[in-house]
C-alpha atoms as a PDB file:
ATOM      1  CA  UNK A   1       5.040 -52.875 -61.183  1.00  0.00           C
ATOM      2  CA  UNK A   2       2.422 -50.003 -61.083  1.00  0.00           C
ATOM      3  CA  UNK A   3       4.470 -46.690 -61.818  1.00  0.00           C
ATOM      4  CA  UNK A   4       2.552 -45.038 -58.853  1.00  0.00           C
ATOM      5  CA  UNK A   5       4.747 -46.450 -56.332  1.00  0.00           C
ATOM      6  CA  UNK A   6       7.691 -45.713 -58.404  1.00  0.00           C
ATOM      7  CA  UNK A   7       6.826 -41.739 -58.040  1.00  0.00           C
ATOM      8  CA  UNK A   8       5.710 -41.442 -54.837  1.00  0.00           C
ATOM      9  CA  UNK A   9       8.964 -42.596 -54.027  1.00  0.00           C
ATOM     10  CA  UNK A  10      10.847 -40.578 -56.577  1.00  0.00           C
ATOM     11  CA  UNK A  11       8.812 -37.543 -54.957  1.00  0.00           C
ATOM     12  CA  UNK A  12       9.845 -38.692 -51.431  1.00  0.00           C
ATOM     13  CA  UNK A  13      13.611 -39.061 -52.373  1.00  0.00           C
ATOM     14  CA  UNK A  14      13.247 -35.826 -53.810  1.00  0.00           C
ATOM     15  CA  UNK A  15      11.588 -33.428 -52.306  1.00  0.00           C
ATOM     16  CA  UNK A  16      11.628 -34.978 -48.823  1.00  0.00           C
ATOM     17  CA  UNK A  17      15.018 -35.306 -48.053  1.00  0.00           C
ATOM     18  CA  UNK A  18      15.731 -31.600 -49.922  1.00  0.00           C
ATOM     19  CA  UNK A  19      13.451 -30.351 -47.604  1.00  0.00           C
ATOM     20  CA  UNK A  20      14.941 -31.839 -44.383  1.00  0.00           C
ATOM     21  CA  UNK A  21      18.262 -32.943 -44.967  1.00  0.00           C
ATOM     22  CA  UNK A  22      19.651 -30.687 -47.638  1.00  0.00           C
ATOM     23  CA  UNK A  23      20.478 -27.355 -46.943  1.00  0.00           C
ATOM     24  CA  UNK A  24      18.951 -25.123 -48.570  1.00  0.00           C
ATOM     25  CA  UNK A  25      20.555 -22.184 -51.094  1.00  0.00           C
ATOM     26  CA  UNK A  26      22.024 -19.322 -49.850  1.00  0.00           C
ATOM     27  CA  UNK A  27      20.435 -16.025 -50.186  1.00  0.00           C
ATOM     28  CA  UNK A  28      21.050 -12.433 -50.226  1.00  0.00           C
ATOM     29  CA  UNK A  29      18.221 -11.294 -49.082  1.00  0.00           C
ATOM     30  CA  UNK A  30      17.924  -8.992 -45.607  1.00  0.00           C
ATOM     31  CA  UNK A  31      15.608 -10.328 -43.026  1.00  0.00           C
ATOM     32  CA  UNK A  32      12.196  -8.449 -43.775  1.00  0.00           C
ATOM     33  CA  UNK A  33      13.005 -10.339 -47.070  1.00  0.00           C
ATOM     34  CA  UNK A  34      13.572 -14.185 -46.099  1.00  0.00           C
ATOM     35  CA  UNK A  35       9.814 -14.868 -46.000  1.00  0.00           C
ATOM     36  CA  UNK A  36       8.999 -15.210 -42.428  1.00  0.00           C
ATOM     37  CA  UNK A  37       5.305 -14.694 -41.227  1.00  0.00           C
ATOM     38  CA  UNK A  38       5.190 -11.561 -39.013  1.00  0.00           C
ATOM     39  CA  UNK A  39       5.964 -11.683 -35.036  1.00  0.00           C
ATOM     40  CA  UNK A  40       7.417 -15.189 -35.885  1.00  0.00           C
ATOM     41  CA  UNK A  41      10.235 -13.718 -33.274  1.00  0.00           C
ATOM     42  CA  UNK A  42       7.890 -14.026 -30.629  1.00  0.00           C
ATOM     43  CA  UNK A  43       7.582 -17.782 -31.078  1.00  0.00           C
ATOM     44  CA  UNK A  44      11.240 -18.434 -30.574  1.00  0.00           C
ATOM     45  CA  UNK A  45      11.950 -19.674 -27.316  1.00  0.00           C
ATOM     46  CA  UNK A  46      14.337 -17.024 -26.135  1.00  0.00           C
ATOM     47  CA  UNK A  47      12.654 -14.542 -25.834  1.00  0.00           C
ATOM     48  CA  UNK A  48      11.136 -16.860 -23.255  1.00  0.00           C
ATOM     49  CA  UNK A  49      11.260 -16.795 -19.238  1.00  0.00           C
ATOM     50  CA  UNK A  50      12.104 -13.812 -18.073  1.00  0.00           C
ATOM     51  CA  UNK A  51      11.279 -14.825 -14.824  1.00  0.00           C
ATOM     52  CA  UNK A  52      13.321 -17.434 -14.194  1.00  0.00           C
ATOM     53  CA  UNK A  53      13.949 -19.479 -11.015  1.00  0.00           C
ATOM     54  CA  UNK A  54      17.420 -18.323  -9.433  1.00  0.00           C
ATOM     55  CA  UNK A  55      18.737 -22.293  -9.527  1.00  0.00           C
ATOM     56  CA  UNK A  56      17.248 -23.148 -12.795  1.00  0.00           C
ATOM     57  CA  UNK A  57      18.601 -19.474 -13.848  1.00  0.00           C
ATOM     58  CA  UNK A  58      22.365 -20.611 -13.077  1.00  0.00           C
ATOM     59  CA  UNK A  59      21.841 -23.986 -14.569  1.00  0.00           C
ATOM     60  CA  UNK A  60      24.620 -24.273 -17.325  1.00  0.00           C
ATOM     61  CA  UNK A  61      24.765 -25.421 -20.634  1.00  0.00           C
ATOM     62  CA  UNK A  62      26.940 -27.952 -21.898  1.00  0.00           C
ATOM     63  CA  UNK A  63      29.860 -27.786 -23.702  1.00  0.00           C
ATOM     64  CA  UNK A  64      30.608 -28.370 -27.746  1.00  0.00           C
ATOM     65  CA  UNK A  65      33.130 -31.240 -25.894  1.00  0.00           C
ATOM     66  CA  UNK A  66      30.303 -32.641 -23.449  1.00  0.00           C
ATOM     67  CA  UNK A  67      27.539 -32.414 -25.988  1.00  0.00           C
ATOM     68  CA  UNK A  68      29.651 -34.829 -28.867  1.00  0.00           C
ATOM     69  CA  UNK A  69      30.304 -37.315 -25.714  1.00  0.00           C
ATOM     70  CA  UNK A  70      26.899 -37.539 -25.630  1.00  0.00           C
ATOM     71  CA  UNK A  71      25.756 -37.829 -29.095  1.00  0.00           C
ATOM     72  CA  UNK A  72      25.105 -40.724 -31.048  1.00  0.00           C
ATOM     73  CA  UNK A  73      27.911 -42.365 -32.454  1.00  0.00           C
ATOM     74  CA  UNK A  74      28.399 -45.848 -34.588  1.00  0.00           C
ATOM     75  CA  UNK A  75      27.264 -48.734 -32.588  1.00  0.00           C
ATOM     76  CA  UNK A  76      25.498 -46.914 -30.505  1.00  0.00           C
ATOM     77  CA  UNK A  77      22.270 -48.546 -32.316  1.00  0.00           C
ATOM     78  CA  UNK A  78      22.130 -51.803 -34.082  1.00  0.00           C
ATOM     79  CA  UNK A  79      21.648 -51.860 -37.511  1.00  0.00           C
ATOM     80  CA  UNK A  80      22.320 -47.875 -38.288  1.00  0.00           C
ATOM     81  CA  UNK A  81      24.875 -46.178 -40.154  1.00  0.00           C
ATOM     82  CA  UNK A  82      25.611 -43.022 -38.106  1.00  0.00           C
ATOM     83  CA  UNK A  83      27.613 -40.324 -38.743  1.00  0.00           C
ATOM     84  CA  UNK A  84      28.033 -36.773 -38.164  1.00  0.00           C
ATOM     85  CA  UNK A  85      25.615 -34.523 -40.602  1.00  0.00           C
ATOM     86  CA  UNK A  86      27.880 -32.268 -42.709  1.00  0.00           C
ATOM     87  CA  UNK A  87      26.902 -28.440 -44.194  1.00  0.00           C
ATOM     88  CA  UNK A  88      24.244 -30.670 -46.116  1.00  0.00           C
ATOM     89  CA  UNK A  89      22.626 -32.205 -44.131  1.00  0.00           C
ATOM     90  CA  UNK A  90      20.258 -29.340 -42.558  1.00  0.00           C
ATOM     91  CA  UNK A  91      19.124 -25.638 -43.234  1.00  0.00           C
ATOM     92  CA  UNK A  92      19.052 -23.064 -40.920  1.00  0.00           C
ATOM     93  CA  UNK A  93      15.822 -21.044 -39.496  1.00  0.00           C
ATOM     94  CA  UNK A  94      16.170 -18.452 -41.392  1.00  0.00           C
ATOM     95  CA  UNK A  95      15.971 -20.678 -44.574  1.00  0.00           C
ATOM     96  CA  UNK A  96      12.112 -22.486 -43.236  1.00  0.00           C
ATOM     97  CA  UNK A  97       9.815 -19.694 -43.811  1.00  0.00           C
ATOM     98  CA  UNK A  98       6.433 -20.501 -42.627  1.00  0.00           C
ATOM     99  CA  UNK A  99       2.266 -18.400 -43.456  1.00  0.00           C
ATOM    100  CA  UNK A 100       1.710 -18.575 -39.630  1.00  0.00           C
ATOM    101  CA  UNK A 101       3.513 -17.067 -37.079  1.00  0.00           C
ATOM    102  CA  UNK A 102       2.801 -19.456 -35.071  1.00  0.00           C
ATOM    103  CA  UNK A 103       4.406 -22.008 -36.393  1.00  0.00           C
ATOM    104  CA  UNK A 104       7.390 -20.731 -37.159  1.00  0.00           C
ATOM    105  CA  UNK A 105       9.159 -22.589 -35.038  1.00  0.00           C
ATOM    106  CA  UNK A 106       7.367 -26.335 -35.416  1.00  0.00           C
ATOM    107  CA  UNK A 107       8.770 -26.165 -38.832  1.00  0.00           C
ATOM    108  CA  UNK A 108      12.083 -25.253 -37.853  1.00  0.00           C
ATOM    109  CA  UNK A 109      12.932 -28.200 -35.443  1.00  0.00           C
ATOM    110  CA  UNK A 110      10.598 -29.995 -38.304  1.00  0.00           C
ATOM    111  CA  UNK A 111      13.221 -29.249 -40.957  1.00  0.00           C
ATOM    112  CA  UNK A 112      15.979 -30.211 -38.929  1.00  0.00           C
ATOM    113  CA  UNK A 113      17.100 -26.086 -37.478  1.00  0.00           C
ATOM    114  CA  UNK A 114      17.949 -25.382 -33.775  1.00  0.00           C
ATOM    115  CA  UNK A 115      15.337 -24.321 -31.174  1.00  0.00           C
ATOM    116  CA  UNK A 116      15.861 -20.647 -30.498  1.00  0.00           C
ATOM    117  CA  UNK A 117      20.066 -19.429 -29.775  1.00  0.00           C
ATOM    118  CA  UNK A 118      21.152 -22.902 -27.735  1.00  0.00           C
ATOM    119  CA  UNK A 119      25.061 -21.991 -26.710  1.00  0.00           C
ATOM    120  CA  UNK A 120      26.180 -25.073 -28.589  1.00  0.00           C
ATOM    121  CA  UNK A 121      25.026 -27.573 -30.492  1.00  0.00           C
ATOM    122  CA  UNK A 122      25.815 -31.248 -32.444  1.00  0.00           C
ATOM    123  CA  UNK A 123      23.682 -33.461 -35.562  1.00  0.00           C
ATOM    124  CA  UNK A 124      24.190 -37.238 -36.035  1.00  0.00           C
ATOM    125  CA  UNK A 125      22.642 -38.565 -39.297  1.00  0.00           C
ATOM    126  CA  UNK A 126      21.674 -41.933 -38.635  1.00  0.00           C
ATOM    127  CA  UNK A 127      20.679 -44.218 -41.299  1.00  0.00           C
ATOM    128  CA  UNK A 128      18.578 -47.854 -40.625  1.00  0.00           C
ATOM    129  CA  UNK A 129      19.622 -50.685 -42.771  1.00  0.00           C
ATOM    130  CA  UNK A 130      17.100 -52.964 -44.654  1.00  0.00           C
ATOM    131  CA  UNK A 131      16.852 -56.254 -44.380  1.00  0.00           C
ATOM    132  CA  UNK A 132      18.991 -58.098 -46.616  1.00  0.00           C
ATOM    133  CA  UNK A 133      17.192 -60.303 -49.119  1.00  0.00           C
ATOM    134  CA  UNK A 134      14.125 -57.941 -48.267  1.00  0.00           C
ATOM    135  CA  UNK A 135      12.877 -56.842 -51.500  1.00  0.00           C
ATOM    136  CA  UNK A 136      13.216 -60.473 -52.784  1.00  0.00           C
ATOM    137  CA  UNK A 137      10.719 -61.889 -50.177  1.00  0.00           C
ATOM    138  CA  UNK A 138       7.564 -61.114 -52.113  1.00  0.00           C
ATOM    139  CA  UNK A 139       6.256 -62.263 -54.901  1.00  0.00           C
ATOM    140  CA  UNK A 140       4.897 -58.727 -55.422  1.00  0.00           C
ATOM    141  CA  UNK A 141       6.916 -56.340 -57.704  1.00  0.00           C
ATOM    142  CA  UNK A 142       5.611 -53.466 -56.032  1.00  0.00           C
ATOM    143  CA  UNK A 143       6.114 -54.392 -52.397  1.00  0.00           C
ATOM    144  CA  UNK A 144       9.533 -55.505 -53.157  1.00  0.00           C
ATOM    145  CA  UNK A 145       9.897 -52.378 -54.667  1.00  0.00           C
ATOM    146  CA  UNK A 146       8.876 -50.785 -51.346  1.00  0.00           C
ATOM    147  CA  UNK A 147      10.981 -53.625 -49.220  1.00  0.00           C
ATOM    148  CA  UNK A 148      14.379 -51.955 -51.007  1.00  0.00           C
ATOM    149  CA  UNK A 149      13.290 -48.010 -49.532  1.00  0.00           C
ATOM    150  CA  UNK A 150      12.477 -49.689 -45.746  1.00  0.00           C
ATOM    151  CA  UNK A 151      15.139 -46.845 -45.182  1.00  0.00           C
ATOM    152  CA  UNK A 152      13.940 -44.648 -41.889  1.00  0.00           C
ATOM    153  CA  UNK A 153      16.645 -41.748 -41.729  1.00  0.00           C
ATOM    154  CA  UNK A 154      16.474 -39.819 -38.775  1.00  0.00           C
ATOM    155  CA  UNK A 155      18.387 -36.042 -37.798  1.00  0.00           C
ATOM    156  CA  UNK A 156      19.098 -36.405 -34.295  1.00  0.00           C
ATOM    157  CA  UNK A 157      19.999 -32.804 -33.084  1.00  0.00           C
ATOM    158  CA  UNK A 158      21.355 -32.442 -29.540  1.00  0.00           C
ATOM    159  CA  UNK A 159      21.878 -28.560 -28.225  1.00  0.00           C
ATOM    160  CA  UNK A 160      22.264 -27.020 -25.103  1.00  0.00           C
ATOM    161  CA  UNK A 161      21.066 -24.259 -23.016  1.00  0.00           C
ATOM    162  CA  UNK A 162      21.682 -21.967 -20.127  1.00  0.00           C
ATOM    163  CA  UNK A 163      19.450 -21.768 -17.823  1.00  0.00           C
ATOM    164  CA  UNK A 164      15.827 -22.740 -18.290  1.00  0.00           C
ATOM    165  CA  UNK A 165      16.166 -22.310 -21.959  1.00  0.00           C
ATOM    166  CA  UNK A 166      16.044 -26.493 -23.152  1.00  0.00           C
ATOM    167  CA  UNK A 167      13.041 -25.846 -20.736  1.00  0.00           C
ATOM    168  CA  UNK A 168      11.191 -23.198 -22.817  1.00  0.00           C
ATOM    169  CA  UNK A 169      12.381 -24.704 -25.652  1.00  0.00           C
ATOM    170  CA  UNK A 170      10.109 -27.950 -25.276  1.00  0.00           C
ATOM    171  CA  UNK A 171       7.384 -25.884 -24.223  1.00  0.00           C
ATOM    172  CA  UNK A 172       7.480 -23.913 -27.348  1.00  0.00           C
ATOM    173  CA  UNK A 173       7.165 -26.297 -29.733  1.00  0.00           C
ATOM    174  CA  UNK A 174       4.525 -27.866 -27.335  1.00  0.00           C
ATOM    175  CA  UNK A 175       2.420 -24.582 -27.445  1.00  0.00           C
ATOM    176  CA  UNK A 176       3.620 -24.503 -31.911  1.00  0.00           C
ATOM    177  CA  UNK A 177       1.793 -28.200 -32.409  1.00  0.00           C
ATOM    178  CA  UNK A 178      -0.867 -27.049 -30.726  1.00  0.00           C
ATOM    179  CA  UNK A 179      -2.073 -23.460 -32.102  1.00  0.00           C
ATOM    180  CA  UNK A 180      -1.084 -25.815 -35.759  1.00  0.00           C
ATOM    181  CA  UNK A 181      -2.470 -29.038 -35.574  1.00  0.00           C
ATOM    182  CA  UNK A 182      -4.829 -28.584 -38.393  1.00  0.00           C
ATOM    183  CA  UNK A 183      -1.816 -27.386 -40.346  1.00  0.00           C
ATOM    184  CA  UNK A 184       0.500 -24.607 -42.194  1.00  0.00           C
ATOM    185  CA  UNK A 185       2.116 -24.025 -45.070  1.00  0.00           C
ATOM    186  CA  UNK A 186       6.242 -24.021 -44.758  1.00  0.00           C
ATOM    187  CA  UNK A 187       8.840 -23.778 -47.205  1.00  0.00           C
ATOM    188  CA  UNK A 188      12.157 -24.910 -46.789  1.00  0.00           C
ATOM    189  CA  UNK A 189      15.318 -25.520 -49.781  1.00  0.00           C
ATOM    190  CA  UNK A 190      13.153 -23.890 -51.642  1.00  0.00           C
ATOM    191  CA  UNK A 191      10.242 -26.333 -51.906  1.00  0.00           C
ATOM    192  CA  UNK A 192       6.499 -25.292 -50.673  1.00  0.00           C
ATOM    193  CA  UNK A 193       5.114 -28.050 -48.734  1.00  0.00           C
ATOM    194  CA  UNK A 194       1.853 -28.318 -47.081  1.00  0.00           C
ATOM    195  CA  UNK A 195       1.809 -29.467 -43.218  1.00  0.00           C
ATOM    196  CA  UNK A 196      -2.015 -31.119 -43.767  1.00  0.00           C
ATOM    197  CA  UNK A 197      -1.853 -32.410 -39.129  1.00  0.00           C
ATOM    198  CA  UNK A 198      -0.101 -32.816 -36.594  1.00  0.00           C
ATOM    199  CA  UNK A 199      -0.619 -35.904 -34.193  1.00  0.00           C
ATOM    200  CA  UNK A 200       0.645 -36.358 -30.182  1.00  0.00           C
ATOM    201  CA  UNK A 201       2.422 -39.295 -30.065  1.00  0.00           C
ATOM    202  CA  UNK A 202       3.439 -41.190 -26.879  1.00  0.00           C
ATOM    203  CA  UNK A 203       7.539 -41.782 -26.532  1.00  0.00           C
ATOM    204  CA  UNK A 204       9.456 -42.142 -22.924  1.00  0.00           C
ATOM    205  CA  UNK A 205      13.179 -40.667 -22.448  1.00  0.00           C
ATOM    206  CA  UNK A 206      14.204 -38.356 -20.153  1.00  0.00           C
ATOM    207  CA  UNK A 207      13.249 -36.112 -18.049  1.00  0.00           C
ATOM    208  CA  UNK A 208      10.430 -34.849 -20.454  1.00  0.00           C
ATOM    209  CA  UNK A 209       9.837 -36.161 -23.468  1.00  0.00           C
ATOM    210  CA  UNK A 210       7.034 -35.792 -26.800  1.00  0.00           C
ATOM    211  CA  UNK A 211       6.416 -36.778 -29.820  1.00  0.00           C
ATOM    212  CA  UNK A 212       4.084 -36.295 -33.172  1.00  0.00           C
ATOM    213  CA  UNK A 213       3.150 -37.356 -36.449  1.00  0.00           C
ATOM    214  CA  UNK A 214       3.602 -35.211 -39.081  1.00  0.00           C
ATOM    215  CA  UNK A 215       1.600 -34.947 -42.549  1.00  0.00           C
ATOM    216  CA  UNK A 216       2.925 -32.826 -45.049  1.00  0.00           C
ATOM    217  CA  UNK A 217       1.594 -32.542 -48.464  1.00  0.00           C
ATOM    218  CA  UNK A 218       4.505 -31.851 -51.571  1.00  0.00           C
ATOM    219  CA  UNK A 219       3.179 -31.423 -55.288  1.00  0.00           C
ATOM    220  CA  UNK A 220       0.204 -33.608 -54.711  1.00  0.00           C
ATOM    221  CA  UNK A 221       2.205 -36.548 -52.286  1.00  0.00           C
ATOM    222  CA  UNK A 222       1.543 -36.804 -48.782  1.00  0.00           C
ATOM    223  CA  UNK A 223       4.350 -38.170 -46.584  1.00  0.00           C
ATOM    224  CA  UNK A 224       4.790 -38.990 -43.029  1.00  0.00           C
ATOM    225  CA  UNK A 225       7.333 -37.342 -40.931  1.00  0.00           C
ATOM    226  CA  UNK A 226       8.077 -38.534 -36.765  1.00  0.00           C
ATOM    227  CA  UNK A 227       9.551 -35.420 -34.666  1.00  0.00           C
ATOM    228  CA  UNK A 228      10.952 -36.508 -30.731  1.00  0.00           C
ATOM    229  CA  UNK A 229      11.885 -33.894 -28.573  1.00  0.00           C
ATOM    230  CA  UNK A 230      13.822 -35.813 -25.065  1.00  0.00           C
ATOM    231  CA  UNK A 231      15.309 -33.062 -22.760  1.00  0.00           C
ATOM    232  CA  UNK A 232      17.365 -34.237 -19.922  1.00  0.00           C
ATOM    233  CA  UNK A 233      18.782 -31.148 -17.377  1.00  0.00           C
ATOM    234  CA  UNK A 234      20.095 -28.330 -19.877  1.00  0.00           C
ATOM    235  CA  UNK A 235      19.779 -30.518 -23.271  1.00  0.00           C
ATOM    236  CA  UNK A 236      17.156 -30.641 -26.083  1.00  0.00           C
ATOM    237  CA  UNK A 237      17.551 -33.278 -28.417  1.00  0.00           C
ATOM    238  CA  UNK A 238      15.794 -33.415 -31.102  1.00  0.00           C
ATOM    239  CA  UNK A 239      15.074 -36.009 -34.129  1.00  0.00           C
ATOM    240  CA  UNK A 240      13.392 -35.815 -37.297  1.00  0.00           C
ATOM    241  CA  UNK A 241      12.237 -38.749 -38.996  1.00  0.00           C
ATOM    242  CA  UNK A 242      11.327 -39.555 -42.538  1.00  0.00           C
ATOM    243  CA  UNK A 243      10.870 -43.485 -43.992  1.00  0.00           C
ATOM    244  CA  UNK A 244      11.789 -43.585 -47.712  1.00  0.00           C
ATOM    245  CA  UNK A 245       9.343 -46.441 -48.321  1.00  0.00           C
ATOM    246  CA  UNK A 246       6.676 -45.163 -46.554  1.00  0.00           C
ATOM    247  CA  UNK A 247       6.287 -41.596 -48.233  1.00  0.00           C
ATOM    248  CA  UNK A 248       6.500 -43.193 -51.144  1.00  0.00           C
ATOM    249  CA  UNK A 249       3.462 -45.359 -50.248  1.00  0.00           C
ATOM    250  CA  UNK A 250       1.863 -42.414 -49.208  1.00  0.00           C
ATOM    251  CA  UNK A 251       2.050 -44.303 -45.027  1.00  0.00           C
ATOM    252  CA  UNK A 252       2.816 -44.195 -41.980  1.00  0.00           C
ATOM    253  CA  UNK A 253       5.930 -46.084 -40.438  1.00  0.00           C
ATOM    254  CA  UNK A 254       6.683 -47.033 -36.708  1.00  0.00           C
ATOM    255  CA  UNK A 255       8.413 -44.128 -34.367  1.00  0.00           C
ATOM    256  CA  UNK A 256      12.629 -45.003 -34.633  1.00  0.00           C
ATOM    257  CA  UNK A 257      12.087 -46.380 -31.188  1.00  0.00           C
ATOM    258  CA  UNK A 258      15.539 -47.555 -31.283  1.00  0.00           C
ATOM    259  CA  UNK A 259      17.104 -44.662 -32.189  1.00  0.00           C
ATOM    260  CA  UNK A 260      15.312 -42.818 -29.408  1.00  0.00           C
ATOM    261  CA  UNK A 261      16.164 -44.821 -26.706  1.00  0.00           C
ATOM    262  CA  UNK A 262      19.763 -45.163 -27.186  1.00  0.00           C
ATOM    263  CA  UNK A 263      19.619 -41.022 -27.653  1.00  0.00           C
ATOM    264  CA  UNK A 264      17.708 -40.975 -24.505  1.00  0.00           C
ATOM    265  CA  UNK A 265      20.327 -43.376 -22.749  1.00  0.00           C
ATOM    266  CA  UNK A 266      23.897 -41.292 -23.356  1.00  0.00           C
ATOM    267  CA  UNK A 267      22.113 -38.389 -21.702  1.00  0.00           C
ATOM    268  CA  UNK A 268      21.336 -39.688 -19.006  1.00  0.00           C
END
């Protein structure tokens, strides 16, 4: 087996998982020292929507209890393990910093933080089960190694907003994705990473849905992430996915369609 696959997978399993699914260390710095780009607050959806329509302005966010019912649970997605995300499974927006103000909200959500200031939120960690015996199906040791790591982890965040908050959050993300498509640099969980490309993908679900394949470079190694957004009424589902085998090989992977469909169905 070439050492390249092992090294790339190790990088993916440490650097990428730390940035995506491990809480960043606490900081004693005040807001001036968090490293957020100057003016980044303007990219937050909570700062928009002054001219809401009367009916939309009166729309109420789902309660925490209602969001729990709409969140994924074990058994909702075949061949996946679903658990409640703990304190070590995500980061806060204040712990994600960027070099371009316009990219702030996109970086936050990509790293598992919530968009803006939702009234309530839940998070689930969804992990696909590797195909049994996949690591033994190939005589090629490197391919067998990659098969063993063919696991997609998705952090699913549900956020509910009053009024047009969910719409504005999604609009803000679309705008940021367009303005930052050529790349930017972010730091999360103490690790600096460069987003080199954001490419929009087609996805279905809810009243509105959009997805992106995000190519990230860390320590000279490129990996693909998926960010999916599904809006249903005043609730926004954000799903960030990483496949360790693809990250280790420097390739792409399929959208977690089964997870997307299951979450959209529970929101409907």
